[in-house]
Amino acid sequence: MASQPQVRASHVLIKHEGSRRKASWKDPEGRIISATTKEAAVEQLKALREKIASGDEKFEDVAKKYSDCSSAKRGGDLGRFGRGQMQKPFEEATFALKVGEISDIVDTDSGVHIILRTG
């Protein structure tokens, strides 16, 4: 039986007032997240993506400093996953990337993301 294709990825998640969970490891009370509009989260992520693309910052360092996901402690690394394990928009964006590519802004129920496919 053939195994299902898997990818490996890292991401930066910025939560906002519309996110399904309004707390994170760096904002346990959710005060900042609840006061952040989706538009502000997208703008922050665009600026961070530009810093990575220009070489001013490493993806891993940006994830550690800014991501609202607990994967921030691992530089945003989510490990390997297959289809059906992540929210659909996240999964589709990740599988569409080539290894080493960074996605545009991806919107999910968790918040907004940029994704780096690492494997």
PDB file of N, CA and C in Angstrom:
ATOM      1  N   MET A   1       0.844  -1.180   0.000  1.00  0.00           N
ATOM      2  CA  MET A   1       0.000   0.000   0.000  1.00  0.00           C
ATOM      3  C   MET A   1       0.885   1.239   0.000  1.00  0.00           C
ATOM      4  N   ALA A   2       0.646   2.126  -0.940  1.00  0.00           N
ATOM      5  CA  ALA A   2       1.460   3.342  -1.056  1.00  0.00           C
ATOM      6  C   ALA A   2       1.133   4.300   0.084  1.00  0.00           C
ATOM      7  N   SER A   3       2.169   4.918   0.607  1.00  0.00           N
ATOM      8  CA  SER A   3       1.920   5.879   1.688  1.00  0.00           C
ATOM      9  C   SER A   3       1.459   7.205   1.103  1.00  0.00           C
ATOM     10  N   GLN A   4       0.715   7.925   1.880  1.00  0.00           N
ATOM     11  CA  GLN A   4       0.211   9.227   1.450  1.00  0.00           C
ATOM     12  C   GLN A   4       1.366  10.227   1.401  1.00  0.00           C
ATOM     13  N   PRO A   5       1.348  11.127   0.419  1.00  0.00           N
ATOM     14  CA  PRO A   5       2.408  12.137   0.374  1.00  0.00           C
ATOM     15  C   PRO A   5       2.367  13.030   1.609  1.00  0.00           C
ATOM     16  N   GLN A   6       3.542  13.391   2.062  1.00  0.00           N
ATOM     17  CA  GLN A   6       3.654  14.285   3.214  1.00  0.00           C
ATOM     18  C   GLN A   6       4.560  15.450   2.860  1.00  0.00           C
ATOM     19  N   VAL A   7       4.382  16.529   3.584  1.00  0.00           N
ATOM     20  CA  VAL A   7       5.240  17.698   3.455  1.00  0.00           C
ATOM     21  C   VAL A   7       5.764  18.035   4.844  1.00  0.00           C
ATOM     22  N   ARG A   8       6.786  18.858   4.871  1.00  0.00           N
ATOM     23  CA  ARG A   8       7.266  19.406   6.136  1.00  0.00           C
ATOM     24  C   ARG A   8       7.279  20.913   5.960  1.00  0.00           C
ATOM     25  N   ALA A   9       6.835  21.615   6.990  1.00  0.00           N
ATOM     26  CA  ALA A   9       6.734  23.066   6.863  1.00  0.00           C
ATOM     27  C   ALA A   9       6.933  23.754   8.201  1.00  0.00           C
ATOM     28  N   SER A  10       7.295  25.014   8.095  1.00  0.00           N
ATOM     29  CA  SER A  10       7.337  25.923   9.237  1.00  0.00           C
ATOM     30  C   SER A  10       6.385  27.061   8.920  1.00  0.00           C
ATOM     31  N   HIS A  11       5.920  27.745   9.955  1.00  0.00           N
ATOM     32  CA  HIS A  11       5.033  28.871   9.679  1.00  0.00           C
ATOM     33  C   HIS A  11       5.183  29.943  10.750  1.00  0.00           C
ATOM     34  N   VAL A  12       4.659  31.105  10.390  1.00  0.00           N
ATOM     35  CA  VAL A  12       4.487  32.201  11.336  1.00  0.00           C
ATOM     36  C   VAL A  12       2.992  32.471  11.358  1.00  0.00           C
ATOM     37  N   LEU A  13       2.405  32.409  12.536  1.00  0.00           N
ATOM     38  CA  LEU A  13       0.968  32.650  12.723  1.00  0.00           C
ATOM     39  C   LEU A  13       0.789  33.952  13.484  1.00  0.00           C
ATOM     40  N   ILE A  14      -0.031  34.820  12.935  1.00  0.00           N
ATOM     41  CA  ILE A  14      -0.447  36.028  13.648  1.00  0.00           C
ATOM     42  C   ILE A  14      -1.954  35.909  13.868  1.00  0.00           C
ATOM     43  N   LYS A  15      -2.338  35.845  15.132  1.00  0.00           N
ATOM     44  CA  LYS A  15      -3.759  35.771  15.475  1.00  0.00           C
ATOM     45  C   LYS A  15      -4.354  37.177  15.510  1.00  0.00           C
ATOM     46  N   HIS A  16      -5.683  37.236  15.397  1.00  0.00           N
ATOM     47  CA  HIS A  16      -6.395  38.519  15.414  1.00  0.00           C
ATOM     48  C   HIS A  16      -7.762  38.326  16.057  1.00  0.00           C
ATOM     49  N   GLU A  17      -8.516  39.411  16.135  1.00  0.00           N
ATOM     50  CA  GLU A  17      -9.809  39.385  16.823  1.00  0.00           C
ATOM     51  C   GLU A  17     -10.778  38.339  16.269  1.00  0.00           C
ATOM     52  N   GLY A  18     -10.595  37.915  15.035  1.00  0.00           N
ATOM     53  CA  GLY A  18     -11.471  36.911  14.432  1.00  0.00           C
ATOM     54  C   GLY A  18     -10.954  35.493  14.559  1.00  0.00           C
ATOM     55  N   SER A  19      -9.806  35.299  15.175  1.00  0.00           N
ATOM     56  CA  SER A  19      -9.234  33.961  15.329  1.00  0.00           C
ATOM     57  C   SER A  19     -10.085  33.121  16.271  1.00  0.00           C
ATOM     58  N   ARG A  20     -10.124  31.827  16.021  1.00  0.00           N
ATOM     59  CA  ARG A  20     -10.995  30.962  16.838  1.00  0.00           C
ATOM     60  C   ARG A  20     -10.528  30.879  18.282  1.00  0.00           C
ATOM     61  N   ARG A  21      -9.231  30.952  18.535  1.00  0.00           N
ATOM     62  CA  ARG A  21      -8.709  30.992  19.909  1.00  0.00           C
ATOM     63  C   ARG A  21      -7.919  32.278  20.063  1.00  0.00           C
ATOM     64  N   LYS A  22      -8.300  33.093  21.026  1.00  0.00           N
ATOM     65  CA  LYS A  22      -7.690  34.406  21.176  1.00  0.00           C
ATOM     66  C   LYS A  22      -6.631  34.430  22.275  1.00  0.00           C
ATOM     67  N   ALA A  23      -5.845  33.381  22.343  1.00  0.00           N
ATOM     68  CA  ALA A  23      -4.746  33.334  23.301  1.00  0.00           C
ATOM     69  C   ALA A  23      -3.580  32.642  22.617  1.00  0.00           C
ATOM     70  N   SER A  24      -2.388  32.948  23.082  1.00  0.00           N
ATOM     71  CA  SER A  24      -1.200  32.287  22.555  1.00  0.00           C
ATOM     72  C   SER A  24      -0.161  32.218  23.655  1.00  0.00           C
ATOM     73  N   TRP A  25       0.931  31.553  23.367  1.00  0.00           N
ATOM     74  CA  TRP A  25       2.008  31.415  24.349  1.00  0.00           C
ATOM     75  C   TRP A  25       2.549  32.769  24.766  1.00  0.00           C
ATOM     76  N   LYS A  26       2.518  33.756  23.872  1.00  0.00           N
ATOM     77  CA  LYS A  26       3.056  35.072  24.223  1.00  0.00           C
ATOM     78  C   LYS A  26       1.968  36.052  24.667  1.00  0.00           C
ATOM     79  N   ASP A  27       0.719  35.676  24.520  1.00  0.00           N
ATOM     80  CA  ASP A  27      -0.412  36.520  24.929  1.00  0.00           C
ATOM     81  C   ASP A  27      -1.470  35.619  25.574  1.00  0.00           C
ATOM     82  N   PRO A  28      -1.138  35.018  26.753  1.00  0.00           N
ATOM     83  CA  PRO A  28      -2.023  34.011  27.361  1.00  0.00           C
ATOM     84  C   PRO A  28      -3.423  34.522  27.677  1.00  0.00           C
ATOM     85  N   GLU A  29      -3.542  35.808  27.962  1.00  0.00           N
ATOM     86  CA  GLU A  29      -4.862  36.379  28.252  1.00  0.00           C
ATOM     87  C   GLU A  29      -5.609  36.774  26.985  1.00  0.00           C
ATOM     88  N   GLY A  30      -4.905  36.823  25.858  1.00  0.00           N
ATOM     89  CA  GLY A  30      -5.533  37.189  24.591  1.00  0.00           C
ATOM     90  C   GLY A  30      -5.854  38.662  24.460  1.00  0.00           C
ATOM     91  N   ARG A  31      -5.255  39.496  25.278  1.00  0.00           N
ATOM     92  CA  ARG A  31      -5.562  40.935  25.236  1.00  0.00           C
ATOM     93  C   ARG A  31      -5.101  41.591  23.939  1.00  0.00           C
ATOM     94  N   ILE A  32      -3.862  41.305  23.545  1.00  0.00           N
ATOM     95  CA  ILE A  32      -3.330  41.902  22.310  1.00  0.00           C
ATOM     96  C   ILE A  32      -4.073  41.326  21.107  1.00  0.00           C
ATOM     97  N   ILE A  33      -4.254  40.015  21.100  1.00  0.00           N
ATOM     98  CA  ILE A  33      -4.930  39.365  19.979  1.00  0.00           C
ATOM     99  C   ILE A  33      -6.346  39.899  19.812  1.00  0.00           C
ATOM    100  N   SER A  34      -7.079  40.047  20.904  1.00  0.00           N
ATOM    101  CA  SER A  34      -8.459  40.534  20.830  1.00  0.00           C
ATOM    102  C   SER A  34      -8.543  41.970  20.318  1.00  0.00           C
ATOM    103  N   ALA A  35      -7.453  42.718  20.460  1.00  0.00           N
ATOM    104  CA  ALA A  35      -7.433  44.115  20.014  1.00  0.00           C
ATOM    105  C   ALA A  35      -6.797  44.279  18.639  1.00  0.00           C
ATOM    106  N   THR A  36      -6.409  43.174  18.009  1.00  0.00           N
ATOM    107  CA  THR A  36      -5.753  43.227  16.703  1.00  0.00           C
ATOM    108  C   THR A  36      -6.762  42.914  15.608  1.00  0.00           C
ATOM    109  N   THR A  37      -6.903  43.812  14.642  1.00  0.00           N
ATOM    110  CA  THR A  37      -7.800  43.549  13.519  1.00  0.00           C
ATOM    111  C   THR A  37      -7.126  42.577  12.556  1.00  0.00           C
ATOM    112  N   LYS A  38      -7.928  41.934  11.750  1.00  0.00           N
ATOM    113  CA  LYS A  38      -7.379  41.029  10.738  1.00  0.00           C
ATOM    114  C   LYS A  38      -6.472  41.808   9.789  1.00  0.00           C
ATOM    115  N   GLU A  39      -6.889  43.013   9.430  1.00  0.00           N
ATOM    116  CA  GLU A  39      -6.102  43.837   8.517  1.00  0.00           C
ATOM    117  C   GLU A  39      -4.734  44.166   9.116  1.00  0.00           C
ATOM    118  N   ALA A  40      -4.698  44.472  10.406  1.00  0.00           N
ATOM    119  CA  ALA A  40      -3.428  44.772  11.078  1.00  0.00           C
ATOM    120  C   ALA A  40      -2.537  43.534  11.116  1.00  0.00           C
ATOM    121  N   ALA A  41      -3.133  42.376  11.349  1.00  0.00           N
ATOM    122  CA  ALA A  41      -2.370  41.125  11.378  1.00  0.00           C
ATOM    123  C   ALA A  41      -1.762  40.842  10.005  1.00  0.00           C
ATOM    124  N   VAL A  42      -2.550  41.058   8.952  1.00  0.00           N
ATOM    125  CA  VAL A  42      -2.063  40.847   7.582  1.00  0.00           C
ATOM    126  C   VAL A  42      -0.915  41.807   7.280  1.00  0.00           C
ATOM    127  N   GLU A  43      -1.066  43.070   7.652  1.00  0.00           N
ATOM    128  CA  GLU A  43      -0.002  44.056   7.400  1.00  0.00           C
ATOM    129  C   GLU A  43       1.278  43.689   8.146  1.00  0.00           C
ATOM    130  N   GLN A  44       1.149  43.243   9.386  1.00  0.00           N
ATOM    131  CA  GLN A  44       2.327  42.826  10.151  1.00  0.00           C
ATOM    132  C   GLN A  44       3.021  41.652   9.466  1.00  0.00           C
ATOM    133  N   LEU A  45       2.235  40.702   9.018  1.00  0.00           N
ATOM    134  CA  LEU A  45       2.793  39.521   8.365  1.00  0.00           C
ATOM    135  C   LEU A  45       3.450  39.880   7.035  1.00  0.00           C
ATOM    136  N   LYS A  46       2.849  40.782   6.279  1.00  0.00           N
ATOM    137  CA  LYS A  46       3.456  41.236   5.014  1.00  0.00           C
ATOM    138  C   LYS A  46       4.819  41.866   5.278  1.00  0.00           C
ATOM    139  N   ALA A  47       4.910  42.677   6.314  1.00  0.00           N
ATOM    140  CA  ALA A  47       6.179  43.330   6.655  1.00  0.00           C
ATOM    141  C   ALA A  47       7.221  42.291   7.073  1.00  0.00           C
ATOM    142  N   LEU A  48       6.804  41.303   7.850  1.00  0.00           N
ATOM    143  CA  LEU A  48       7.724  40.252   8.272  1.00  0.00           C
ATOM    144  C   LEU A  48       8.181  39.418   7.075  1.00  0.00           C
ATOM    145  N   ARG A  49       7.257  39.109   6.169  1.00  0.00           N
ATOM    146  CA  ARG A  49       7.608  38.338   4.971  1.00  0.00           C
ATOM    147  C   ARG A  49       8.628  39.100   4.140  1.00  0.00           C
ATOM    148  N   GLU A  50       8.463  40.402   4.034  1.00  0.00           N
ATOM    149  CA  GLU A  50       9.404  41.231   3.269  1.00  0.00           C
ATOM    150  C   GLU A  50      10.801  41.195   3.903  1.00  0.00           C
ATOM    151  N   LYS A  51      10.869  41.241   5.229  1.00  0.00           N
ATOM    152  CA  LYS A  51      12.170  41.163   5.917  1.00  0.00           C
ATOM    153  C   LYS A  51      12.861  39.838   5.632  1.00  0.00           C
ATOM    154  N   ILE A  52      12.081  38.763   5.571  1.00  0.00           N
ATOM    155  CA  ILE A  52      12.647  37.445   5.270  1.00  0.00           C
ATOM    156  C   ILE A  52      13.103  37.402   3.816  1.00  0.00           C
ATOM    157  N   ALA A  53      12.235  37.859   2.909  1.00  0.00           N
ATOM    158  CA  ALA A  53      12.539  37.818   1.476  1.00  0.00           C
ATOM    159  C   ALA A  53      13.775  38.656   1.131  1.00  0.00           C
ATOM    160  N   SER A  54      13.970  39.758   1.832  1.00  0.00           N
ATOM    161  CA  SER A  54      15.107  40.638   1.558  1.00  0.00           C
ATOM    162  C   SER A  54      16.400  40.136   2.200  1.00  0.00           C
ATOM    163  N   GLY A  55      16.278  39.116   3.056  1.00  0.00           N
ATOM    164  CA  GLY A  55      17.460  38.581   3.726  1.00  0.00           C
ATOM    165  C   GLY A  55      17.803  39.291   5.028  1.00  0.00           C
ATOM    166  N   ASP A  56      16.988  40.258   5.426  1.00  0.00           N
ATOM    167  CA  ASP A  56      17.246  40.987   6.681  1.00  0.00           C
ATOM    168  C   ASP A  56      17.003  40.118   7.913  1.00  0.00           C
ATOM    169  N   GLU A  57      16.095  39.155   7.787  1.00  0.00           N
ATOM    170  CA  GLU A  57      15.759  38.272   8.915  1.00  0.00           C
ATOM    171  C   GLU A  57      15.645  36.843   8.398  1.00  0.00           C
ATOM    172  N   LYS A  58      15.929  35.883   9.263  1.00  0.00           N
ATOM    173  CA  LYS A  58      15.743  34.476   8.929  1.00  0.00           C
ATOM    174  C   LYS A  58      14.328  34.074   9.330  1.00  0.00           C
ATOM    175  N   PHE A  59      13.722  33.197   8.539  1.00  0.00           N
ATOM    176  CA  PHE A  59      12.363  32.729   8.820  1.00  0.00           C
ATOM    177  C   PHE A  59      12.262  32.222  10.253  1.00  0.00           C
ATOM    178  N   GLU A  60      13.215  31.386  10.636  1.00  0.00           N
ATOM    179  CA  GLU A  60      13.211  30.772  11.966  1.00  0.00           C
ATOM    180  C   GLU A  60      13.214  31.832  13.076  1.00  0.00           C
ATOM    181  N   ASP A  61      14.001  32.883  12.898  1.00  0.00           N
ATOM    182  CA  ASP A  61      14.078  33.937  13.912  1.00  0.00           C
ATOM    183  C   ASP A  61      12.780  34.735  13.992  1.00  0.00           C
ATOM    184  N   VAL A  62      12.180  35.004  12.839  1.00  0.00           N
ATOM    185  CA  VAL A  62      10.898  35.721  12.810  1.00  0.00           C
ATOM    186  C   VAL A  62       9.834  34.899  13.523  1.00  0.00           C
ATOM    187  N   ALA A  63       9.808  33.594  13.246  1.00  0.00           N
ATOM    188  CA  ALA A  63       8.826  32.713  13.901  1.00  0.00           C
ATOM    189  C   ALA A  63       9.015  32.740  15.414  1.00  0.00           C
ATOM    190  N   LYS A  64      10.264  32.633  15.861  1.00  0.00           N
ATOM    191  CA  LYS A  64      10.534  32.623  17.301  1.00  0.00           C
ATOM    192  C   LYS A  64      10.081  33.907  17.984  1.00  0.00           C
ATOM    193  N   LYS A  65      10.222  35.033  17.298  1.00  0.00           N
ATOM    194  CA  LYS A  65       9.888  36.336  17.898  1.00  0.00           C
ATOM    195  C   LYS A  65       8.414  36.698  17.788  1.00  0.00           C
ATOM    196  N   TYR A  66       7.786  36.350  16.666  1.00  0.00           N
ATOM    197  CA  TYR A  66       6.469  36.917  16.369  1.00  0.00           C
ATOM    198  C   TYR A  66       5.305  35.940  16.290  1.00  0.00           C
ATOM    199  N   SER A  67       5.571  34.651  16.068  1.00  0.00           N
ATOM    200  CA  SER A  67       4.466  33.724  15.837  1.00  0.00           C
ATOM    201  C   SER A  67       3.645  33.499  17.098  1.00  0.00           C
ATOM    202  N   ASP A  68       2.334  33.427  16.927  1.00  0.00           N
ATOM    203  CA  ASP A  68       1.418  33.134  18.030  1.00  0.00           C
ATOM    204  C   ASP A  68       1.232  31.629  18.238  1.00  0.00           C
ATOM    205  N   CYS A  69       1.855  30.815  17.424  1.00  0.00           N
ATOM    206  CA  CYS A  69       1.758  29.361  17.562  1.00  0.00           C
ATOM    207  C   CYS A  69       2.844  28.865  18.513  1.00  0.00           C
ATOM    208  N   SER A  70       2.555  27.812  19.249  1.00  0.00           N
ATOM    209  CA  SER A  70       3.559  27.246  20.151  1.00  0.00           C
ATOM    210  C   SER A  70       4.753  26.687  19.381  1.00  0.00           C
ATOM    211  N   SER A  71       4.600  26.470  18.071  1.00  0.00           N
ATOM    212  CA  SER A  71       5.724  26.023  17.247  1.00  0.00           C
ATOM    213  C   SER A  71       6.816  27.093  17.149  1.00  0.00           C
ATOM    214  N   ALA A  72       6.529  28.289  17.618  1.00  0.00           N
ATOM    215  CA  ALA A  72       7.526  29.377  17.607  1.00  0.00           C
ATOM    216  C   ALA A  72       8.800  28.938  18.321  1.00  0.00           C
ATOM    217  N   LYS A  73       8.644  28.168  19.372  1.00  0.00           N
ATOM    218  CA  LYS A  73       9.814  27.704  20.133  1.00  0.00           C
ATOM    219  C   LYS A  73      10.737  26.841  19.287  1.00  0.00           C
ATOM    220  N   ARG A  74      10.193  26.266  18.200  1.00  0.00           N
ATOM    221  CA  ARG A  74      10.980  25.437  17.273  1.00  0.00           C
ATOM    222  C   ARG A  74      11.233  26.188  15.960  1.00  0.00           C
ATOM    223  N   GLY A  75      11.179  27.497  16.011  1.00  0.00           N
ATOM    224  CA  GLY A  75      11.381  28.285  14.793  1.00  0.00           C
ATOM    225  C   GLY A  75      10.245  28.156  13.807  1.00  0.00           C
ATOM    226  N   GLY A  76       9.072  27.776  14.312  1.00  0.00           N
ATOM    227  CA  GLY A  76       7.884  27.626  13.466  1.00  0.00           C
ATOM    228  C   GLY A  76       7.709  26.240  12.880  1.00  0.00           C
ATOM    229  N   ASP A  77       8.636  25.321  13.174  1.00  0.00           N
ATOM    230  CA  ASP A  77       8.601  23.994  12.570  1.00  0.00           C
ATOM    231  C   ASP A  77       7.391  23.197  13.041  1.00  0.00           C
ATOM    232  N   LEU A  78       6.599  22.727  12.075  1.00  0.00           N
ATOM    233  CA  LEU A  78       5.418  21.907  12.362  1.00  0.00           C
ATOM    234  C   LEU A  78       5.676  20.428  12.138  1.00  0.00           C
ATOM    235  N   GLY A  79       6.861  20.096  11.655  1.00  0.00           N
ATOM    236  CA  GLY A  79       7.154  18.700  11.350  1.00  0.00           C
ATOM    237  C   GLY A  79       6.466  18.267  10.063  1.00  0.00           C
ATOM    238  N   ARG A  80       6.375  16.954   9.875  1.00  0.00           N
ATOM    239  CA  ARG A  80       5.762  16.396   8.663  1.00  0.00           C
ATOM    240  C   ARG A  80       4.266  16.199   8.873  1.00  0.00           C
ATOM    241  N   PHE A  81       3.518  16.406   7.805  1.00  0.00           N
ATOM    242  CA  PHE A  81       2.079  16.145   7.857  1.00  0.00           C
ATOM    243  C   PHE A  81       1.571  15.809   6.468  1.00  0.00           C
ATOM    244  N   GLY A  82       0.460  15.096   6.454  1.00  0.00           N
ATOM    245  CA  GLY A  82      -0.173  14.716   5.199  1.00  0.00           C
ATOM    246  C   GLY A  82      -1.495  15.436   5.021  1.00  0.00           C
ATOM    247  N   ARG A  83      -2.182  15.063   3.998  1.00  0.00           N
ATOM    248  CA  ARG A  83      -3.489  15.672   3.714  1.00  0.00           C
ATOM    249  C   ARG A  83      -4.480  15.311   4.824  1.00  0.00           C
ATOM    250  N   GLY A  84      -5.330  16.271   5.150  1.00  0.00           N
ATOM    251  CA  GLY A  84      -6.361  16.041   6.149  1.00  0.00           C
ATOM    252  C   GLY A  84      -5.921  16.296   7.579  1.00  0.00           C
ATOM    253  N   GLN A  85      -4.672  16.736   7.781  1.00  0.00           N
ATOM    254  CA  GLN A  85      -4.183  16.963   9.135  1.00  0.00           C
ATOM    255  C   GLN A  85      -4.179  18.440   9.544  1.00  0.00           C
ATOM    256  N   MET A  86      -4.255  19.319   8.566  1.00  0.00           N
ATOM    257  CA  MET A  86      -4.254  20.762   8.831  1.00  0.00           C
ATOM    258  C   MET A  86      -5.530  21.360   8.242  1.00  0.00           C
ATOM    259  N   GLN A  87      -5.807  22.607   8.611  1.00  0.00           N
ATOM    260  CA  GLN A  87      -6.952  23.282   8.017  1.00  0.00           C
ATOM    261  C   GLN A  87      -6.735  23.364   6.502  1.00  0.00           C
ATOM    262  N   LYS A  88      -7.812  23.227   5.749  1.00  0.00           N
ATOM    263  CA  LYS A  88      -7.746  23.097   4.289  1.00  0.00           C
ATOM    264  C   LYS A  88      -6.921  24.200   3.614  1.00  0.00           C
ATOM    265  N   PRO A  89      -7.139  25.485   3.907  1.00  0.00           N
ATOM    266  CA  PRO A  89      -6.344  26.516   3.219  1.00  0.00           C
ATOM    267  C   PRO A  89      -4.842  26.379   3.499  1.00  0.00           C
ATOM    268  N   PHE A  90      -4.507  26.000   4.730  1.00  0.00           N
ATOM    269  CA  PHE A  90      -3.102  25.823   5.116  1.00  0.00           C
ATOM    270  C   PHE A  90      -2.508  24.637   4.352  1.00  0.00           C
ATOM    271  N   GLU A  91      -3.235  23.543   4.339  1.00  0.00           N
ATOM    272  CA  GLU A  91      -2.790  22.335   3.639  1.00  0.00           C
ATOM    273  C   GLU A  91      -2.577  22.615   2.153  1.00  0.00           C
ATOM    274  N   GLU A  92      -3.563  23.234   1.512  1.00  0.00           N
ATOM    275  CA  GLU A  92      -3.472  23.498   0.077  1.00  0.00           C
ATOM    276  C   GLU A  92      -2.286  24.394  -0.250  1.00  0.00           C
ATOM    277  N   ALA A  93      -2.080  25.429   0.554  1.00  0.00           N
ATOM    278  CA  ALA A  93      -0.962  26.344   0.321  1.00  0.00           C
ATOM    279  C   ALA A  93       0.368  25.619   0.481  1.00  0.00           C
ATOM    280  N   THR A  94       0.480  24.783   1.508  1.00  0.00           N
ATOM    281  CA  THR A  94       1.742  24.084   1.773  1.00  0.00           C
ATOM    282  C   THR A  94       2.071  23.095   0.665  1.00  0.00           C
ATOM    283  N   PHE A  95       1.096  22.304   0.256  1.00  0.00           N
ATOM    284  CA  PHE A  95       1.338  21.323  -0.796  1.00  0.00           C
ATOM    285  C   PHE A  95       1.643  21.980  -2.140  1.00  0.00           C
ATOM    286  N   ALA A  96       1.192  23.217  -2.347  1.00  0.00           N
ATOM    287  CA  ALA A  96       1.436  23.930  -3.606  1.00  0.00           C
ATOM    288  C   ALA A  96       2.846  24.529  -3.678  1.00  0.00           C
ATOM    289  N   LEU A  97       3.493  24.671  -2.522  1.00  0.00           N
ATOM    290  CA  LEU A  97       4.842  25.255  -2.494  1.00  0.00           C
ATOM    291  C   LEU A  97       5.899  24.232  -2.886  1.00  0.00           C
ATOM    292  N   LYS A  98       6.999  24.744  -3.439  1.00  0.00           N
ATOM    293  CA  LYS A  98       8.190  23.916  -3.626  1.00  0.00           C
ATOM    294  C   LYS A  98       9.023  24.050  -2.362  1.00  0.00           C
ATOM    295  N   VAL A  99       9.881  23.072  -2.094  1.00  0.00           N
ATOM    296  CA  VAL A  99      10.763  23.136  -0.932  1.00  0.00           C
ATOM    297  C   VAL A  99      11.590  24.423  -1.016  1.00  0.00           C
ATOM    298  N   GLY A 100      11.593  25.176   0.086  1.00  0.00           N
ATOM    299  CA  GLY A 100      12.327  26.441   0.148  1.00  0.00           C
ATOM    300  C   GLY A 100      11.493  27.667  -0.183  1.00  0.00           C
ATOM    301  N   GLU A 101      10.288  27.475  -0.701  1.00  0.00           N
ATOM    302  CA  GLU A 101       9.417  28.604  -1.039  1.00  0.00           C
ATOM    303  C   GLU A 101       8.607  29.052   0.171  1.00  0.00           C
ATOM    304  N   ILE A 102       8.301  30.340   0.189  1.00  0.00           N
ATOM    305  CA  ILE A 102       7.461  30.930   1.235  1.00  0.00           C
ATOM    306  C   ILE A 102       6.147  31.353   0.597  1.00  0.00           C
ATOM    307  N   SER A 103       5.066  31.033   1.258  1.00  0.00           N
ATOM    308  CA  SER A 103       3.731  31.362   0.752  1.00  0.00           C
ATOM    309  C   SER A 103       3.442  32.855   0.863  1.00  0.00           C
ATOM    310  N   ASP A 104       2.392  33.257   0.159  1.00  0.00           N
ATOM    311  CA  ASP A 104       1.788  34.553   0.430  1.00  0.00           C
ATOM    312  C   ASP A 104       0.993  34.387   1.720  1.00  0.00           C
ATOM    313  N   ILE A 105       0.213  35.370   2.083  1.00  0.00           N
ATOM    314  CA  ILE A 105      -0.604  35.300   3.294  1.00  0.00           C
ATOM    315  C   ILE A 105      -1.666  34.209   3.123  1.00  0.00           C
ATOM    316  N   VAL A 106      -1.763  33.330   4.118  1.00  0.00           N
ATOM    317  CA  VAL A 106      -2.764  32.257   4.118  1.00  0.00           C
ATOM    318  C   VAL A 106      -3.689  32.503   5.308  1.00  0.00           C
ATOM    319  N   ASP A 107      -4.984  32.576   5.030  1.00  0.00           N
ATOM    320  CA  ASP A 107      -5.992  32.870   6.036  1.00  0.00           C
ATOM    321  C   ASP A 107      -6.687  31.588   6.467  1.00  0.00           C
ATOM    322  N   THR A 108      -6.680  31.309   7.787  1.00  0.00           N
ATOM    323  CA  THR A 108      -7.398  30.149   8.329  1.00  0.00           C
ATOM    324  C   THR A 108      -8.207  30.604   9.544  1.00  0.00           C
ATOM    325  N   ASP A 109      -8.941  29.675  10.128  1.00  0.00           N
ATOM    326  CA  ASP A 109      -9.703  29.985  11.346  1.00  0.00           C
ATOM    327  C   ASP A 109      -8.775  30.345  12.508  1.00  0.00           C
ATOM    328  N   SER A 110      -7.524  29.908  12.441  1.00  0.00           N
ATOM    329  CA  SER A 110      -6.564  30.195  13.514  1.00  0.00           C
ATOM    330  C   SER A 110      -5.996  31.607  13.433  1.00  0.00           C
ATOM    331  N   GLY A 111      -5.956  32.173  12.247  1.00  0.00           N
ATOM    332  CA  GLY A 111      -5.366  33.491  12.028  1.00  0.00           C
ATOM    333  C   GLY A 111      -4.760  33.547  10.642  1.00  0.00           C
ATOM    334  N   VAL A 112      -3.757  34.408  10.472  1.00  0.00           N
ATOM    335  CA  VAL A 112      -3.089  34.513   9.182  1.00  0.00           C
ATOM    336  C   VAL A 112      -1.665  33.982   9.317  1.00  0.00           C
ATOM    337  N   HIS A 113      -1.184  33.356   8.250  1.00  0.00           N
ATOM    338  CA  HIS A 113       0.097  32.657   8.281  1.00  0.00           C
ATOM    339  C   HIS A 113       0.942  33.024   7.068  1.00  0.00           C
ATOM    340  N   ILE A 114       2.254  32.868   7.210  1.00  0.00           N
ATOM    341  CA  ILE A 114       3.133  32.644   6.083  1.00  0.00           C
ATOM    342  C   ILE A 114       3.766  31.284   6.349  1.00  0.00           C
ATOM    343  N   ILE A 115       3.951  30.533   5.282  1.00  0.00           N
ATOM    344  CA  ILE A 115       4.407  29.155   5.390  1.00  0.00           C
ATOM    345  C   ILE A 115       5.681  28.975   4.588  1.00  0.00           C
ATOM    346  N   LEU A 116       6.643  28.314   5.177  1.00  0.00           N
ATOM    347  CA  LEU A 116       7.878  27.934   4.500  1.00  0.00           C
ATOM    348  C   LEU A 116       7.871  26.424   4.370  1.00  0.00           C
ATOM    349  N   ARG A 117       7.869  25.932   3.127  1.00  0.00           N
ATOM    350  CA  ARG A 117       7.937  24.478   2.937  1.00  0.00           C
ATOM    351  C   ARG A 117       9.393  24.051   3.092  1.00  0.00           C
ATOM    352  N   THR A 118       9.627  23.134   3.986  1.00  0.00           N
ATOM    353  CA  THR A 118      10.989  22.700   4.283  1.00  0.00           C
ATOM    354  C   THR A 118      11.271  21.270   3.848  1.00  0.00           C
ATOM    355  N   GLY A 119      10.268  20.557   3.423  1.00  0.00           N
ATOM    356  CA  GLY A 119      10.466  19.179   2.980  1.00  0.00           C
ATOM    357  C   GLY A 119       9.251  18.615   2.335  1.00  0.00           C
TER     358      GLY A 119
END
